[in-house]
């Protein structure tokens, strides 16, 4: 489970303005160790499944934000 993360760029801006089309998701994730970084990187890469998987990953991030009360 992601603990410390932030969205930025066009996807984050849609929280404050009209949604816009973007082909990327800008995320910063704070990790404590190199091992945690590698594990997180592998999980994100697996979730994204390449360019075609980005909308699914974006939806999962929205769900994480809602479940965290963000």
PDB file of N, CA and C in Angstrom:
ATOM      1  N   UNK A   1       0.843  -1.181   0.000  1.00  0.00           N
ATOM      2  CA  UNK A   1       0.000   0.000   0.000  1.00  0.00           C
ATOM      3  C   UNK A   1       0.889   1.244   0.000  1.00  0.00           C
ATOM      4  N   UNK A   2       0.563   2.173  -0.853  1.00  0.00           N
ATOM      5  CA  UNK A   2       1.325   3.423  -0.901  1.00  0.00           C
ATOM      6  C   UNK A   2       1.010   4.262   0.330  1.00  0.00           C
ATOM      7  N   UNK A   3       2.055   4.743   0.976  1.00  0.00           N
ATOM      8  CA  UNK A   3       1.880   5.594   2.150  1.00  0.00           C
ATOM      9  C   UNK A   3       2.030   7.063   1.792  1.00  0.00           C
ATOM     10  N   UNK A   4       3.174   7.393   1.238  1.00  0.00           N
ATOM     11  CA  UNK A   4       3.490   8.790   0.951  1.00  0.00           C
ATOM     12  C   UNK A   4       3.682   8.977  -0.543  1.00  0.00           C
ATOM     13  N   UNK A   5       2.763   9.685  -1.158  1.00  0.00           N
ATOM     14  CA  UNK A   5       2.848   9.918  -2.595  1.00  0.00           C
ATOM     15  C   UNK A   5       2.162  11.233  -2.924  1.00  0.00           C
ATOM     16  N   UNK A   6       2.456  11.750  -4.103  1.00  0.00           N
ATOM     17  CA  UNK A   6       1.801  12.962  -4.573  1.00  0.00           C
ATOM     18  C   UNK A   6       1.648  12.869  -6.090  1.00  0.00           C
ATOM     19  N   UNK A   7       0.512  13.311  -6.570  1.00  0.00           N
ATOM     20  CA  UNK A   7       0.291  13.450  -8.008  1.00  0.00           C
ATOM     21  C   UNK A   7       0.596  14.896  -8.374  1.00  0.00           C
ATOM     22  N   UNK A   8       1.172  15.085  -9.541  1.00  0.00           N
ATOM     23  CA  UNK A   8       1.392  16.445 -10.023  1.00  0.00           C
ATOM     24  C   UNK A   8       1.205  16.446 -11.528  1.00  0.00           C
ATOM     25  N   UNK A   9       1.269  17.583 -12.127  1.00  0.00           N
ATOM     26  CA  UNK A   9       1.069  17.674 -13.568  1.00  0.00           C
ATOM     27  C   UNK A   9      -0.410  17.777 -13.919  1.00  0.00           C
ATOM     28  N   UNK A  10      -0.729  17.429 -15.156  1.00  0.00           N
ATOM     29  CA  UNK A  10      -2.084  17.619 -15.687  1.00  0.00           C
ATOM     30  C   UNK A  10      -3.139  16.824 -14.930  1.00  0.00           C
ATOM     31  N   UNK A  11      -2.830  15.589 -14.544  1.00  0.00           N
ATOM     32  CA  UNK A  11      -3.822  14.774 -13.827  1.00  0.00           C
ATOM     33  C   UNK A  11      -4.167  15.415 -12.492  1.00  0.00           C
ATOM     34  N   UNK A  12      -3.176  15.872 -11.757  1.00  0.00           N
ATOM     35  CA  UNK A  12      -3.432  16.529 -10.475  1.00  0.00           C
ATOM     36  C   UNK A  12      -4.208  17.826 -10.671  1.00  0.00           C
ATOM     37  N   UNK A  13      -3.921  18.543 -11.733  1.00  0.00           N
ATOM     38  CA  UNK A  13      -4.596  19.816 -11.990  1.00  0.00           C
ATOM     39  C   UNK A  13      -6.087  19.639 -12.228  1.00  0.00           C
ATOM     40  N   UNK A  14      -6.509  18.457 -12.673  1.00  0.00           N
ATOM     41  CA  UNK A  14      -7.937  18.244 -12.924  1.00  0.00           C
ATOM     42  C   UNK A  14      -8.757  18.291 -11.639  1.00  0.00           C
ATOM     43  N   UNK A  15      -8.110  18.239 -10.488  1.00  0.00           N
ATOM     44  CA  UNK A  15      -8.833  18.410  -9.227  1.00  0.00           C
ATOM     45  C   UNK A  15      -9.322  19.849  -9.078  1.00  0.00           C
ATOM     46  N   UNK A  16      -8.717  20.783  -9.831  1.00  0.00           N
ATOM     47  CA  UNK A  16      -9.032  22.203  -9.702  1.00  0.00           C
ATOM     48  C   UNK A  16      -9.579  22.844 -10.967  1.00  0.00           C
ATOM     49  N   UNK A  17      -9.604  22.091 -12.066  1.00  0.00           N
ATOM     50  CA  UNK A  17     -10.044  22.677 -13.331  1.00  0.00           C
ATOM     51  C   UNK A  17     -10.720  21.613 -14.189  1.00  0.00           C
ATOM     52  N   UNK A  18     -11.160  22.009 -15.348  1.00  0.00           N
ATOM     53  CA  UNK A  18     -11.780  21.090 -16.302  1.00  0.00           C
ATOM     54  C   UNK A  18     -10.780  19.994 -16.692  1.00  0.00           C
ATOM     55  N   UNK A  19     -11.215  18.723 -16.701  1.00  0.00           N
ATOM     56  CA  UNK A  19     -10.299  17.640 -17.095  1.00  0.00           C
ATOM     57  C   UNK A  19      -9.717  17.863 -18.490  1.00  0.00           C
ATOM     58  N   UNK A  20      -8.461  17.478 -18.651  1.00  0.00           N
ATOM     59  CA  UNK A  20      -7.769  17.579 -19.930  1.00  0.00           C
ATOM     60  C   UNK A  20      -7.183  16.221 -20.282  1.00  0.00           C
ATOM     61  N   UNK A  21      -6.973  15.997 -21.573  1.00  0.00           N
ATOM     62  CA  UNK A  21      -6.368  14.748 -22.022  1.00  0.00           C
ATOM     63  C   UNK A  21      -4.870  14.791 -21.783  1.00  0.00           C
ATOM     64  N   UNK A  22      -4.347  13.720 -21.238  1.00  0.00           N
ATOM     65  CA  UNK A  22      -2.901  13.593 -21.061  1.00  0.00           C
ATOM     66  C   UNK A  22      -2.522  12.126 -21.220  1.00  0.00           C
ATOM     67  N   UNK A  23      -1.340  11.878 -21.711  1.00  0.00           N
ATOM     68  CA  UNK A  23      -0.901  10.501 -21.910  1.00  0.00           C
ATOM     69  C   UNK A  23       0.043  10.029 -20.819  1.00  0.00           C
ATOM     70  N   UNK A  24       0.214  10.823 -19.772  1.00  0.00           N
ATOM     71  CA  UNK A  24       1.113  10.395 -18.715  1.00  0.00           C
ATOM     72  C   UNK A  24       0.512  10.677 -17.350  1.00  0.00           C
ATOM     73  N   UNK A  25       1.089  10.063 -16.361  1.00  0.00           N
ATOM     74  CA  UNK A  25       0.696  10.275 -14.975  1.00  0.00           C
ATOM     75  C   UNK A  25       1.968  10.574 -14.200  1.00  0.00           C
ATOM     76  N   UNK A  26       2.043  11.754 -13.626  1.00  0.00           N
ATOM     77  CA  UNK A  26       3.231  12.171 -12.890  1.00  0.00           C
ATOM     78  C   UNK A  26       3.011  11.886 -11.407  1.00  0.00           C
ATOM     79  N   UNK A  27       3.854  11.033 -10.843  1.00  0.00           N
ATOM     80  CA  UNK A  27       3.714  10.612  -9.453  1.00  0.00           C
ATOM     81  C   UNK A  27       5.078  10.652  -8.777  1.00  0.00           C
ATOM     82  N   UNK A  28       5.101  11.160  -7.557  1.00  0.00           N
ATOM     83  CA  UNK A  28       6.285  11.059  -6.705  1.00  0.00           C
ATOM     84  C   UNK A  28       5.901  10.155  -5.546  1.00  0.00           C
ATOM     85  N   UNK A  29       6.722   9.141  -5.293  1.00  0.00           N
ATOM     86  CA  UNK A  29       6.461   8.203  -4.205  1.00  0.00           C
ATOM     87  C   UNK A  29       7.670   8.217  -3.274  1.00  0.00           C
ATOM     88  N   UNK A  30       7.436   8.473  -1.987  1.00  0.00           N
ATOM     89  CA  UNK A  30       8.505   8.478  -1.006  1.00  0.00           C
ATOM     90  C   UNK A  30       8.701   7.064  -0.472  1.00  0.00           C
ATOM     91  N   UNK A  31       9.920   6.558  -0.570  1.00  0.00           N
ATOM     92  CA  UNK A  31      10.243   5.228  -0.046  1.00  0.00           C
ATOM     93  C   UNK A  31      11.425   5.351   0.914  1.00  0.00           C
ATOM     94  N   UNK A  32      11.564   4.357   1.782  1.00  0.00           N
ATOM     95  CA  UNK A  32      12.613   4.394   2.799  1.00  0.00           C
ATOM     96  C   UNK A  32      13.899   3.679   2.393  1.00  0.00           C
ATOM     97  N   UNK A  33      13.789   2.682   1.508  1.00  0.00           N
ATOM     98  CA  UNK A  33      14.963   1.877   1.166  1.00  0.00           C
ATOM     99  C   UNK A  33      15.024   1.623  -0.334  1.00  0.00           C
ATOM    100  N   UNK A  34      16.187   1.217  -0.806  1.00  0.00           N
ATOM    101  CA  UNK A  34      16.334   0.838  -2.211  1.00  0.00           C
ATOM    102  C   UNK A  34      15.441  -0.351  -2.544  1.00  0.00           C
ATOM    103  N   UNK A  35      15.332  -1.296  -1.618  1.00  0.00           N
ATOM    104  CA  UNK A  35      14.495  -2.479  -1.845  1.00  0.00           C
ATOM    105  C   UNK A  35      13.030  -2.076  -2.006  1.00  0.00           C
ATOM    106  N   UNK A  36      12.574  -1.134  -1.182  1.00  0.00           N
ATOM    107  CA  UNK A  36      11.193  -0.655  -1.291  1.00  0.00           C
ATOM    108  C   UNK A  36      10.987   0.068  -2.623  1.00  0.00           C
ATOM    109  N   UNK A  37      11.998   0.825  -3.059  1.00  0.00           N
ATOM    110  CA  UNK A  37      11.921   1.491  -4.357  1.00  0.00           C
ATOM    111  C   UNK A  37      11.751   0.470  -5.476  1.00  0.00           C
ATOM    112  N   UNK A  38      12.600  -0.553  -5.491  1.00  0.00           N
ATOM    113  CA  UNK A  38      12.526  -1.565  -6.548  1.00  0.00           C
ATOM    114  C   UNK A  38      11.191  -2.288  -6.529  1.00  0.00           C
ATOM    115  N   UNK A  39      10.700  -2.613  -5.342  1.00  0.00           N
ATOM    116  CA  UNK A  39       9.408  -3.294  -5.227  1.00  0.00           C
ATOM    117  C   UNK A  39       8.287  -2.402  -5.750  1.00  0.00           C
ATOM    118  N   UNK A  40       8.298  -1.127  -5.367  1.00  0.00           N
ATOM    119  CA  UNK A  40       7.274  -0.183  -5.826  1.00  0.00           C
ATOM    120  C   UNK A  40       7.351   0.005  -7.331  1.00  0.00           C
ATOM    121  N   UNK A  41       8.563   0.155  -7.867  1.00  0.00           N
ATOM    122  CA  UNK A  41       8.742   0.324  -9.306  1.00  0.00           C
ATOM    123  C   UNK A  41       8.178  -0.871 -10.063  1.00  0.00           C
ATOM    124  N   UNK A  42       8.473  -2.067  -9.606  1.00  0.00           N
ATOM    125  CA  UNK A  42       7.972  -3.278 -10.274  1.00  0.00           C
ATOM    126  C   UNK A  42       6.446  -3.343 -10.236  1.00  0.00           C
ATOM    127  N   UNK A  43       5.860  -3.000  -9.088  1.00  0.00           N
ATOM    128  CA  UNK A  43       4.396  -3.036  -8.967  1.00  0.00           C
ATOM    129  C   UNK A  43       3.733  -2.015  -9.889  1.00  0.00           C
ATOM    130  N   UNK A  44       4.289  -0.808  -9.945  1.00  0.00           N
ATOM    131  CA  UNK A  44       3.721   0.222 -10.821  1.00  0.00           C
ATOM    132  C   UNK A  44       3.856  -0.196 -12.280  1.00  0.00           C
ATOM    133  N   UNK A  45       5.005  -0.722 -12.656  1.00  0.00           N
ATOM    134  CA  UNK A  45       5.206  -1.178 -14.030  1.00  0.00           C
ATOM    135  C   UNK A  45       4.231  -2.295 -14.377  1.00  0.00           C
ATOM    136  N   UNK A  46       4.002  -3.194 -13.443  1.00  0.00           N
ATOM    137  CA  UNK A  46       3.061  -4.293 -13.675  1.00  0.00           C
ATOM    138  C   UNK A  46       1.632  -3.764 -13.802  1.00  0.00           C
ATOM    139  N   UNK A  47       1.252  -2.823 -12.939  1.00  0.00           N
ATOM    140  CA  UNK A  47      -0.088  -2.235 -13.008  1.00  0.00           C
ATOM    141  C   UNK A  47      -0.315  -1.499 -14.317  1.00  0.00           C
ATOM    142  N   UNK A  48       0.683  -0.747 -14.744  1.00  0.00           N
ATOM    143  CA  UNK A  48       0.528   0.065 -15.949  1.00  0.00           C
ATOM    144  C   UNK A  48       0.417  -0.790 -17.195  1.00  0.00           C
ATOM    145  N   UNK A  49       1.168  -1.863 -17.278  1.00  0.00           N
ATOM    146  CA  UNK A  49       1.092  -2.729 -18.446  1.00  0.00           C
ATOM    147  C   UNK A  49       1.387  -2.003 -19.745  1.00  0.00           C
ATOM    148  N   UNK A  50       2.287  -1.040 -19.713  1.00  0.00           N
ATOM    149  CA  UNK A  50       2.591  -0.264 -20.904  1.00  0.00           C
ATOM    150  C   UNK A  50       1.620   0.891 -21.061  1.00  0.00           C
ATOM    151  N   UNK A  51       1.691   1.576 -22.178  1.00  0.00           N
ATOM    152  CA  UNK A  51       0.861   2.755 -22.436  1.00  0.00           C
ATOM    153  C   UNK A  51      -0.626   2.443 -22.335  1.00  0.00           C
ATOM    154  N   UNK A  52      -1.028   1.257 -22.798  1.00  0.00           N
ATOM    155  CA  UNK A  52      -2.444   0.902 -22.798  1.00  0.00           C
ATOM    156  C   UNK A  52      -3.005   0.805 -21.384  1.00  0.00           C
ATOM    157  N   UNK A  53      -2.156   0.534 -20.392  1.00  0.00           N
ATOM    158  CA  UNK A  53      -2.627   0.360 -19.029  1.00  0.00           C
ATOM    159  C   UNK A  53      -2.692   1.628 -18.211  1.00  0.00           C
ATOM    160  N   UNK A  54      -2.339   2.755 -18.782  1.00  0.00           N
ATOM    161  CA  UNK A  54      -2.286   3.985 -18.004  1.00  0.00           C
ATOM    162  C   UNK A  54      -3.640   4.412 -17.466  1.00  0.00           C
ATOM    163  N   UNK A  55      -4.718   4.236 -18.231  1.00  0.00           N
ATOM    164  CA  UNK A  55      -6.024   4.661 -17.717  1.00  0.00           C
ATOM    165  C   UNK A  55      -6.433   3.805 -16.527  1.00  0.00           C
ATOM    166  N   UNK A  56      -6.083   2.524 -16.557  1.00  0.00           N
ATOM    167  CA  UNK A  56      -6.380   1.653 -15.413  1.00  0.00           C
ATOM    168  C   UNK A  56      -5.574   2.093 -14.192  1.00  0.00           C
ATOM    169  N   UNK A  57      -4.316   2.414 -14.392  1.00  0.00           N
ATOM    170  CA  UNK A  57      -3.476   2.870 -13.290  1.00  0.00           C
ATOM    171  C   UNK A  57      -3.996   4.191 -12.733  1.00  0.00           C
ATOM    172  N   UNK A  58      -4.399   5.097 -13.609  1.00  0.00           N
ATOM    173  CA  UNK A  58      -4.953   6.373 -13.170  1.00  0.00           C
ATOM    174  C   UNK A  58      -6.191   6.151 -12.317  1.00  0.00           C
ATOM    175  N   UNK A  59      -7.058   5.228 -12.721  1.00  0.00           N
ATOM    176  CA  UNK A  59      -8.260   4.920 -11.943  1.00  0.00           C
ATOM    177  C   UNK A  59      -7.887   4.357 -10.575  1.00  0.00           C
ATOM    178  N   UNK A  60      -6.898   3.491 -10.510  1.00  0.00           N
ATOM    179  CA  UNK A  60      -6.468   2.928  -9.230  1.00  0.00           C
ATOM    180  C   UNK A  60      -5.934   4.023  -8.305  1.00  0.00           C
ATOM    181  N   UNK A  61      -5.204   4.978  -8.863  1.00  0.00           N
ATOM    182  CA  UNK A  61      -4.702   6.087  -8.049  1.00  0.00           C
ATOM    183  C   UNK A  61      -5.867   6.898  -7.501  1.00  0.00           C
ATOM    184  N   UNK A  62      -6.869   7.151  -8.328  1.00  0.00           N
ATOM    185  CA  UNK A  62      -8.059   7.876  -7.842  1.00  0.00           C
ATOM    186  C   UNK A  62      -8.712   7.120  -6.695  1.00  0.00           C
ATOM    187  N   UNK A  63      -8.827   5.796  -6.825  1.00  0.00           N
ATOM    188  CA  UNK A  63      -9.421   4.977  -5.769  1.00  0.00           C
ATOM    189  C   UNK A  63      -8.587   5.044  -4.495  1.00  0.00           C
ATOM    190  N   UNK A  64      -7.237   5.005  -4.633  1.00  0.00           N
ATOM    191  CA  UNK A  64      -6.366   5.116  -3.457  1.00  0.00           C
ATOM    192  C   UNK A  64      -6.581   6.456  -2.775  1.00  0.00           C
ATOM    193  N   UNK A  65      -6.679   7.530  -3.560  1.00  0.00           N
ATOM    194  CA  UNK A  65      -6.880   8.864  -2.977  1.00  0.00           C
ATOM    195  C   UNK A  65      -8.194   8.920  -2.216  1.00  0.00           C
ATOM    196  N   UNK A  66      -9.247   8.354  -2.796  1.00  0.00           N
ATOM    197  CA  UNK A  66     -10.549   8.378  -2.141  1.00  0.00           C
ATOM    198  C   UNK A  66     -10.537   7.556  -0.859  1.00  0.00           C
ATOM    199  N   UNK A  67      -9.877   6.410  -0.877  1.00  0.00           N
ATOM    200  CA  UNK A  67      -9.846   5.562   0.311  1.00  0.00           C
ATOM    201  C   UNK A  67      -9.000   6.174   1.422  1.00  0.00           C
ATOM    202  N   UNK A  68      -8.037   7.037   1.062  1.00  0.00           N
ATOM    203  CA  UNK A  68      -7.204   7.723   2.051  1.00  0.00           C
ATOM    204  C   UNK A  68      -7.868   8.997   2.563  1.00  0.00           C
ATOM    205  N   UNK A  69      -9.014   9.338   2.013  1.00  0.00           N
ATOM    206  CA  UNK A  69      -9.694  10.554   2.415  1.00  0.00           C
ATOM    207  C   UNK A  69      -9.061  11.814   1.866  1.00  0.00           C
ATOM    208  N   UNK A  70      -8.252  11.663   0.812  1.00  0.00           N
ATOM    209  CA  UNK A  70      -7.563  12.823   0.225  1.00  0.00           C
ATOM    210  C   UNK A  70      -8.509  13.644  -0.612  1.00  0.00           C
TER     211      UNK A  70
END
